[in-house]
PDB file of N, CA and C in Angstrom:
ATOM      1  N   MET A   1      17.345   2.448   0.514  1.00  0.00           N
ATOM      2  CA  MET A   1      16.159   1.709   0.993  1.00  0.00           C
ATOM      3  C   MET A   1      16.264   0.425  -0.205  1.00  0.00           C
ATOM      4  N   GLY A   2      16.573   0.651  -1.276  1.00  0.00           N
ATOM      5  CA  GLY A   2      16.469  -0.415  -1.464  1.00  0.00           C
ATOM      6  C   GLY A   2      16.922  -0.373  -3.192  1.00  0.00           C
ATOM      7  N   VAL A   3      16.510  -1.014  -4.340  1.00  0.00           N
ATOM      8  CA  VAL A   3      17.051  -1.353  -5.314  1.00  0.00           C
ATOM      9  C   VAL A   3      16.626  -1.183  -6.586  1.00  0.00           C
ATOM     10  N   VAL A   4      16.444   0.448  -7.553  1.00  0.00           N
ATOM     11  CA  VAL A   4      15.548   0.580  -8.736  1.00  0.00           C
ATOM     12  C   VAL A   4      16.080  -0.039  -9.407  1.00  0.00           C
ATOM     13  N   GLU A   5      15.019  -0.874 -10.648  1.00  0.00           N
ATOM     14  CA  GLU A   5      15.953  -1.745 -11.520  1.00  0.00           C
ATOM     15  C   GLU A   5      14.869  -0.708 -12.653  1.00  0.00           C
ATOM     16  N   ALA A   6      15.436  -0.398 -13.314  1.00  0.00           N
ATOM     17  CA  ALA A   6      14.369  -0.285 -14.946  1.00  0.00           C
ATOM     18  C   ALA A   6      13.994  -1.119 -15.699  1.00  0.00           C
ATOM     19  N   VAL A   7      12.720  -1.072 -16.063  1.00  0.00           N
ATOM     20  CA  VAL A   7      12.037  -2.130 -16.723  1.00  0.00           C
ATOM     21  C   VAL A   7      12.113  -1.780 -18.109  1.00  0.00           C
ATOM     22  N   ASP A   8      11.491  -0.921 -18.755  1.00  0.00           N
ATOM     23  CA  ASP A   8      11.343   0.001 -20.014  1.00  0.00           C
ATOM     24  C   ASP A   8      11.168   1.577 -19.565  1.00  0.00           C
ATOM     25  N   ASP A   9      11.156   2.072 -20.867  1.00  0.00           N
ATOM     26  CA  ASP A   9      11.105   3.529 -21.209  1.00  0.00           C
ATOM     27  C   ASP A   9       9.977   4.122 -19.585  1.00  0.00           C
ATOM     28  N   HIS A  10       8.974   3.660 -19.210  1.00  0.00           N
ATOM     29  CA  HIS A  10       8.006   3.724 -18.723  1.00  0.00           C
ATOM     30  C   HIS A  10       7.854   3.535 -17.309  1.00  0.00           C
ATOM     31  N   SER A  11       8.154   2.697 -16.520  1.00  0.00           N
ATOM     32  CA  SER A  11       8.432   1.586 -15.572  1.00  0.00           C
ATOM     33  C   SER A  11       9.491   1.449 -15.175  1.00  0.00           C
ATOM     34  N   CYS A  12       9.753   0.992 -13.647  1.00  0.00           N
ATOM     35  CA  CYS A  12      10.562   0.577 -12.817  1.00  0.00           C
ATOM     36  C   CYS A  12       9.727  -1.086 -11.804  1.00  0.00           C
ATOM     37  N   GLN A  13      11.339  -1.403 -11.334  1.00  0.00           N
ATOM     38  CA  GLN A  13      10.832  -2.468 -10.492  1.00  0.00           C
ATOM     39  C   GLN A  13      12.091  -1.799  -9.671  1.00  0.00           C
ATOM     40  N   LEU A  14      11.098  -1.969  -7.952  1.00  0.00           N
ATOM     41  CA  LEU A  14      11.791  -1.612  -6.724  1.00  0.00           C
ATOM     42  C   LEU A  14      12.357  -2.670  -6.223  1.00  0.00           C
ATOM     43  N   HIS A  15      13.509  -2.868  -5.665  1.00  0.00           N
ATOM     44  CA  HIS A  15      13.643  -4.352  -4.663  1.00  0.00           C
ATOM     45  C   HIS A  15      13.687  -3.607  -3.589  1.00  0.00           C
ATOM     46  N   VAL A  16      12.464  -3.762  -2.097  1.00  0.00           N
ATOM     47  CA  VAL A  16      13.535  -3.792  -0.956  1.00  0.00           C
ATOM     48  C   VAL A  16      13.033  -5.194  -0.346  1.00  0.00           C
ATOM     49  N   GLY A  17      13.363  -5.121   0.939  1.00  0.00           N
ATOM     50  CA  GLY A  17      13.210  -6.189   2.170  1.00  0.00           C
ATOM     51  C   GLY A  17      13.015  -5.743   3.573  1.00  0.00           C
ATOM     52  N   ALA A  18      12.414  -5.635   4.386  1.00  0.00           N
ATOM     53  CA  ALA A  18      12.016  -5.596   5.558  1.00  0.00           C
ATOM     54  C   ALA A  18      11.627  -6.569   6.506  1.00  0.00           C
ATOM     55  N   ASP A  19      11.487  -6.183   7.866  1.00  0.00           N
ATOM     56  CA  ASP A  19      11.385  -7.132   8.843  1.00  0.00           C
ATOM     57  C   ASP A  19      10.207  -7.832   9.287  1.00  0.00           C
ATOM     58  N   SER A  20       9.004  -7.111   8.334  1.00  0.00           N
ATOM     59  CA  SER A  20       7.599  -7.461   9.028  1.00  0.00           C
ATOM     60  C   SER A  20       7.083  -6.757   7.634  1.00  0.00           C
ATOM     61  N   ALA A  21       5.754  -7.140   7.117  1.00  0.00           N
ATOM     62  CA  ALA A  21       5.191  -6.556   6.197  1.00  0.00           C
ATOM     63  C   ALA A  21       4.238  -5.251   5.946  1.00  0.00           C
ATOM     64  N   SER A  22       4.420  -4.863   7.656  1.00  0.00           N
ATOM     65  CA  SER A  22       4.128  -3.858   8.059  1.00  0.00           C
ATOM     66  C   SER A  22       5.445  -2.319   7.963  1.00  0.00           C
ATOM     67  N   ALA A  23       6.202  -3.195   7.927  1.00  0.00           N
ATOM     68  CA  ALA A  23       7.326  -1.939   7.327  1.00  0.00           C
ATOM     69  C   ALA A  23       7.859  -2.261   5.934  1.00  0.00           C
ATOM     70  N   LEU A  24       7.162  -2.998   5.184  1.00  0.00           N
ATOM     71  CA  LEU A  24       7.401  -3.167   3.842  1.00  0.00           C
ATOM     72  C   LEU A  24       6.196  -2.284   3.325  1.00  0.00           C
ATOM     73  N   VAL A  25       4.906  -2.328   3.954  1.00  0.00           N
ATOM     74  CA  VAL A  25       4.509  -0.829   3.663  1.00  0.00           C
ATOM     75  C   VAL A  25       4.686   0.493   3.065  1.00  0.00           C
ATOM     76  N   ARG A  26       5.017   0.520   4.653  1.00  0.00           N
ATOM     77  CA  ARG A  26       5.625   2.043   4.973  1.00  0.00           C
ATOM     78  C   ARG A  26       6.532   2.574   4.061  1.00  0.00           C
ATOM     79  N   MET A  27       7.670   1.661   3.471  1.00  0.00           N
ATOM     80  CA  MET A  27       8.664   1.096   2.495  1.00  0.00           C
ATOM     81  C   MET A  27       8.340   1.936   1.267  1.00  0.00           C
ATOM     82  N   ILE A  28       7.489   1.142   0.853  1.00  0.00           N
ATOM     83  CA  ILE A  28       6.537   1.007  -0.359  1.00  0.00           C
ATOM     84  C   ILE A  28       5.708   2.550  -0.743  1.00  0.00           C
ATOM     85  N   THR A  29       4.994   2.780   0.396  1.00  0.00           N
ATOM     86  CA  THR A  29       4.356   3.824   0.176  1.00  0.00           C
ATOM     87  C   THR A  29       5.196   5.132   0.945  1.00  0.00           C
ATOM     88  N   SER A  30       6.177   5.105   0.997  1.00  0.00           N
ATOM     89  CA  SER A  30       7.434   6.229   1.389  1.00  0.00           C
ATOM     90  C   SER A  30       7.510   7.126   0.155  1.00  0.00           C
ATOM     91  N   VAL A  31       7.663   5.984  -1.090  1.00  0.00           N
ATOM     92  CA  VAL A  31       8.056   6.220  -2.544  1.00  0.00           C
ATOM     93  C   VAL A  31       6.860   7.240  -2.775  1.00  0.00           C
ATOM     94  N   ASP A  32       6.719   8.288  -3.488  1.00  0.00           N
ATOM     95  CA  ASP A  32       6.144   9.795  -4.049  1.00  0.00           C
ATOM     96  C   ASP A  32       5.840   9.092  -5.536  1.00  0.00           C
ATOM     97  N   THR A  33       5.439   8.367  -5.755  1.00  0.00           N
ATOM     98  CA  THR A  33       5.355   7.522  -6.958  1.00  0.00           C
ATOM     99  C   THR A  33       3.686   6.646  -6.485  1.00  0.00           C
ATOM    100  N   ASP A  34       3.010   6.474  -8.023  1.00  0.00           N
ATOM    101  CA  ASP A  34       1.860   5.051  -8.228  1.00  0.00           C
ATOM    102  C   ASP A  34       2.493   4.327  -8.323  1.00  0.00           C
ATOM    103  N   PHE A  35       2.285   3.060  -7.525  1.00  0.00           N
ATOM    104  CA  PHE A  35       2.586   1.683  -7.607  1.00  0.00           C
ATOM    105  C   PHE A  35       1.485   0.635  -7.991  1.00  0.00           C
ATOM    106  N   PHE A  36       2.218  -0.700  -7.960  1.00  0.00           N
ATOM    107  CA  PHE A  36       1.373  -1.733  -8.653  1.00  0.00           C
ATOM    108  C   PHE A  36       1.685  -2.719  -8.543  1.00  0.00           C
ATOM    109  N   THR A  37       0.860  -4.316  -9.100  1.00  0.00           N
ATOM    110  CA  THR A  37       1.931  -5.175  -9.708  1.00  0.00           C
ATOM    111  C   THR A  37       3.527  -5.858  -8.747  1.00  0.00           C
ATOM    112  N   LEU A  38       2.017  -6.127  -7.041  1.00  0.00           N
ATOM    113  CA  LEU A  38       3.808  -6.611  -6.433  1.00  0.00           C
ATOM    114  C   LEU A  38       3.688  -8.117  -6.928  1.00  0.00           C
ATOM    115  N   THR A  39       4.856  -8.582  -7.024  1.00  0.00           N
ATOM    116  CA  THR A  39       5.036  -9.190  -7.609  1.00  0.00           C
ATOM    117  C   THR A  39       5.404 -10.525  -6.352  1.00  0.00           C
ATOM    118  N   SER A  40       5.743 -10.359  -5.321  1.00  0.00           N
ATOM    119  CA  SER A  40       6.543 -11.535  -4.498  1.00  0.00           C
ATOM    120  C   SER A  40       6.261 -10.132  -3.162  1.00  0.00           C
ATOM    121  N   GLY A  41       5.997 -11.031  -1.903  1.00  0.00           N
ATOM    122  CA  GLY A  41       6.091 -10.419  -0.470  1.00  0.00           C
ATOM    123  C   GLY A  41       5.540 -11.859   0.013  1.00  0.00           C
ATOM    124  N   PRO A  42       6.101 -11.057   1.868  1.00  0.00           N
ATOM    125  CA  PRO A  42       5.410 -11.880   2.825  1.00  0.00           C
ATOM    126  C   PRO A  42       4.060 -12.214   2.873  1.00  0.00           C
ATOM    127  N   PRO A  43       3.563 -13.253   3.820  1.00  0.00           N
ATOM    128  CA  PRO A  43       2.713 -13.650   4.037  1.00  0.00           C
ATOM    129  C   PRO A  43       1.904 -12.569   5.309  1.00  0.00           C
ATOM    130  N   GLY A  44       0.256 -12.024   4.773  1.00  0.00           N
ATOM    131  CA  GLY A  44       0.270 -10.789   5.253  1.00  0.00           C
ATOM    132  C   GLY A  44       0.650  -9.399   4.708  1.00  0.00           C
ATOM    133  N   LEU A  45       0.820  -9.327   3.405  1.00  0.00           N
ATOM    134  CA  LEU A  45       1.168  -7.905   3.030  1.00  0.00           C
ATOM    135  C   LEU A  45      -0.025  -7.552   2.562  1.00  0.00           C
ATOM    136  N   ALA A  46      -0.713  -8.121   1.550  1.00  0.00           N
ATOM    137  CA  ALA A  46      -2.348  -7.387   1.386  1.00  0.00           C
ATOM    138  C   ALA A  46      -2.888  -6.660   2.463  1.00  0.00           C
ATOM    139  N   ASP A  47      -2.823  -7.400   3.812  1.00  0.00           N
ATOM    140  CA  ASP A  47      -4.036  -6.987   4.593  1.00  0.00           C
ATOM    141  C   ASP A  47      -3.331  -5.750   5.749  1.00  0.00           C
ATOM    142  N   ALA A  48      -1.499  -5.954   5.331  1.00  0.00           N
ATOM    143  CA  ALA A  48      -0.909  -5.129   5.719  1.00  0.00           C
ATOM    144  C   ALA A  48      -1.301  -3.411   4.956  1.00  0.00           C
ATOM    145  N   PHE A  49      -1.318  -3.304   3.708  1.00  0.00           N
ATOM    146  CA  PHE A  49      -1.617  -2.555   2.820  1.00  0.00           C
ATOM    147  C   PHE A  49      -2.951  -2.595   3.448  1.00  0.00           C
ATOM    148  N   ARG A  50      -3.948  -3.025   3.442  1.00  0.00           N
ATOM    149  CA  ARG A  50      -5.445  -2.991   3.677  1.00  0.00           C
ATOM    150  C   ARG A  50      -5.560  -1.996   5.311  1.00  0.00           C
ATOM    151  N   ALA A  51      -4.923  -2.418   6.092  1.00  0.00           N
ATOM    152  CA  ALA A  51      -4.624  -1.425   7.538  1.00  0.00           C
ATOM    153  C   ALA A  51      -4.138  -0.478   7.517  1.00  0.00           C
ATOM    154  N   GLN A  52      -2.777  -0.566   6.457  1.00  0.00           N
ATOM    155  CA  GLN A  52      -2.423   1.025   6.237  1.00  0.00           C
ATOM    156  C   GLN A  52      -3.869   2.191   5.315  1.00  0.00           C
ATOM    157  N   ALA A  53      -4.807   1.439   4.787  1.00  0.00           N
ATOM    158  CA  ALA A  53      -5.196   1.938   3.515  1.00  0.00           C
ATOM    159  C   ALA A  53      -6.107   2.692   4.924  1.00  0.00           C
ATOM    160  N   ALA A  54      -7.007   2.213   5.383  1.00  0.00           N
ATOM    161  CA  ALA A  54      -7.795   2.309   6.460  1.00  0.00           C
ATOM    162  C   ALA A  54      -7.398   3.778   7.818  1.00  0.00           C
ATOM    163  N   ARG A  55      -6.115   3.212   8.162  1.00  0.00           N
ATOM    164  CA  ARG A  55      -5.563   4.250   8.819  1.00  0.00           C
ATOM    165  C   ARG A  55      -5.678   5.556   8.114  1.00  0.00           C
ATOM    166  N   CYS A  56      -4.915   5.415   6.858  1.00  0.00           N
ATOM    167  CA  CYS A  56      -5.210   7.296   6.168  1.00  0.00           C
ATOM    168  C   CYS A  56      -6.613   7.355   5.585  1.00  0.00           C
ATOM    169  N   LEU A  57      -7.305   6.620   5.379  1.00  0.00           N
ATOM    170  CA  LEU A  57      -8.326   7.377   5.353  1.00  0.00           C
ATOM    171  C   LEU A  57      -9.661   7.312   6.452  1.00  0.00           C
ATOM    172  N   HIS A  58      -9.196   7.158   7.864  1.00  0.00           N
ATOM    173  CA  HIS A  58      -9.649   7.554   8.892  1.00  0.00           C
ATOM    174  C   HIS A  58      -8.946   9.013   9.365  1.00  0.00           C
ATOM    175  N   ALA A  59      -8.060   8.789   8.837  1.00  0.00           N
ATOM    176  CA  ALA A  59      -7.525  10.765   9.120  1.00  0.00           C
ATOM    177  C   ALA A  59      -7.770  11.245   8.395  1.00  0.00           C
ATOM    178  N   ILE A  60      -8.748  11.234   7.128  1.00  0.00           N
ATOM    179  CA  ILE A  60      -8.906  12.346   6.315  1.00  0.00           C
ATOM    180  C   ILE A  60     -10.326  12.197   6.496  1.00  0.00           C
ATOM    181  N   CYS A  61     -11.078  11.130   7.272  1.00  0.00           N
ATOM    182  CA  CYS A  61     -12.670  10.942   7.044  1.00  0.00           C
ATOM    183  C   CYS A  61     -13.157  11.470   8.515  1.00  0.00           C
ATOM    184  N   ARG A  62     -12.765  11.722   9.594  1.00  0.00           N
ATOM    185  CA  ARG A  62     -13.048  11.804  10.773  1.00  0.00           C
ATOM    186  C   ARG A  62     -14.253  12.516  11.011  1.00  0.00           C
ATOM    187  N   GLY A  63     -14.982  11.983  11.971  1.00  0.00           N
ATOM    188  CA  GLY A  63     -16.421  12.402  11.679  1.00  0.00           C
ATOM    189  C   GLY A  63     -17.456  11.607  10.551  1.00  0.00           C
ATOM    190  N   ARG A  64     -17.050  11.334   9.683  1.00  0.00           N
ATOM    191  CA  ARG A  64     -17.765  10.434   8.938  1.00  0.00           C
ATOM    192  C   ARG A  64     -18.597   9.027   9.433  1.00  0.00           C
ATOM    193  N   ARG A  65     -19.716   8.964   9.374  1.00  0.00           N
ATOM    194  CA  ARG A  65     -20.128   7.653   9.829  1.00  0.00           C
ATOM    195  C   ARG A  65     -19.986   6.244   8.976  1.00  0.00           C
ATOM    196  N   SER A  66     -19.575   6.779   7.728  1.00  0.00           N
ATOM    197  CA  SER A  66     -19.633   5.300   6.900  1.00  0.00           C
ATOM    198  C   SER A  66     -17.910   5.619   6.150  1.00  0.00           C
ATOM    199  N   LEU A  67     -17.027   4.956   5.919  1.00  0.00           N
ATOM    200  CA  LEU A  67     -16.361   4.549   4.569  1.00  0.00           C
ATOM    201  C   LEU A  67     -16.883   4.146   3.614  1.00  0.00           C
ATOM    202  N   THR A  68     -18.334   3.925   3.000  1.00  0.00           N
ATOM    203  CA  THR A  68     -18.415   2.922   2.597  1.00  0.00           C
ATOM    204  C   THR A  68     -18.277   3.368   1.458  1.00  0.00           C
ATOM    205  N   PRO A  69     -18.787   5.205   1.346  1.00  0.00           N
ATOM    206  CA  PRO A  69     -18.435   5.931  -0.015  1.00  0.00           C
ATOM    207  C   PRO A  69     -17.633   5.869  -0.894  1.00  0.00           C
ATOM    208  N   LEU A  70     -16.508   6.097   0.232  1.00  0.00           N
ATOM    209  CA  LEU A  70     -15.564   6.430  -0.390  1.00  0.00           C
ATOM    210  C   LEU A  70     -14.628   5.279  -0.703  1.00  0.00           C
ATOM    211  N   LEU A  71     -14.834   3.843  -0.695  1.00  0.00           N
ATOM    212  CA  LEU A  71     -14.548   2.471  -0.215  1.00  0.00           C
ATOM    213  C   LEU A  71     -15.308   1.624  -1.498  1.00  0.00           C
ATOM    214  N   GLY A  72     -16.570   2.268  -1.741  1.00  0.00           N
ATOM    215  CA  GLY A  72     -17.439   1.516  -2.393  1.00  0.00           C
ATOM    216  C   GLY A  72     -18.372   0.041  -1.115  1.00  0.00           C
ATOM    217  N   ARG A  73     -18.857  -0.401  -1.620  1.00  0.00           N
ATOM    218  CA  ARG A  73     -19.708  -1.570  -0.886  1.00  0.00           C
ATOM    219  C   ARG A  73     -18.943  -2.727  -0.380  1.00  0.00           C
ATOM    220  N   GLN A  74     -18.073  -3.134  -0.672  1.00  0.00           N
ATOM    221  CA  GLN A  74     -17.129  -4.268  -0.072  1.00  0.00           C
ATOM    222  C   GLN A  74     -16.662  -3.485   1.323  1.00  0.00           C
ATOM    223  N   ALA A  75     -16.456  -2.165   1.342  1.00  0.00           N
ATOM    224  CA  ALA A  75     -15.977  -2.085   2.871  1.00  0.00           C
ATOM    225  C   ALA A  75     -16.626  -2.385   3.911  1.00  0.00           C
ATOM    226  N   ALA A  76     -18.044  -2.195   3.456  1.00  0.00           N
ATOM    227  CA  ALA A  76     -19.043  -2.677   4.531  1.00  0.00           C
ATOM    228  C   ALA A  76     -19.111  -3.913   4.904  1.00  0.00           C
ATOM    229  N   THR A  77     -18.673  -4.742   4.055  1.00  0.00           N
ATOM    230  CA  THR A  77     -18.703  -6.549   4.760  1.00  0.00           C
ATOM    231  C   THR A  77     -17.324  -6.843   5.821  1.00  0.00           C
TER     232      THR A  77
END
């Protein structure tokens, strides 16, 4: 899937590539760990993460009138 490179005793860097931003998001989120600080990526990567997050929230919140309590006020805009 990719190459993992140790950064220090508590973190590592995962190098992956994909044909699309949404495929890259699926690859990154399939790793069973928290992640942050994406250093580079294709245009639209942030939007692809937002779309994936929205799909997941809708899956667990079906029937709720609003996702705003879960996402905060920014979700309403």
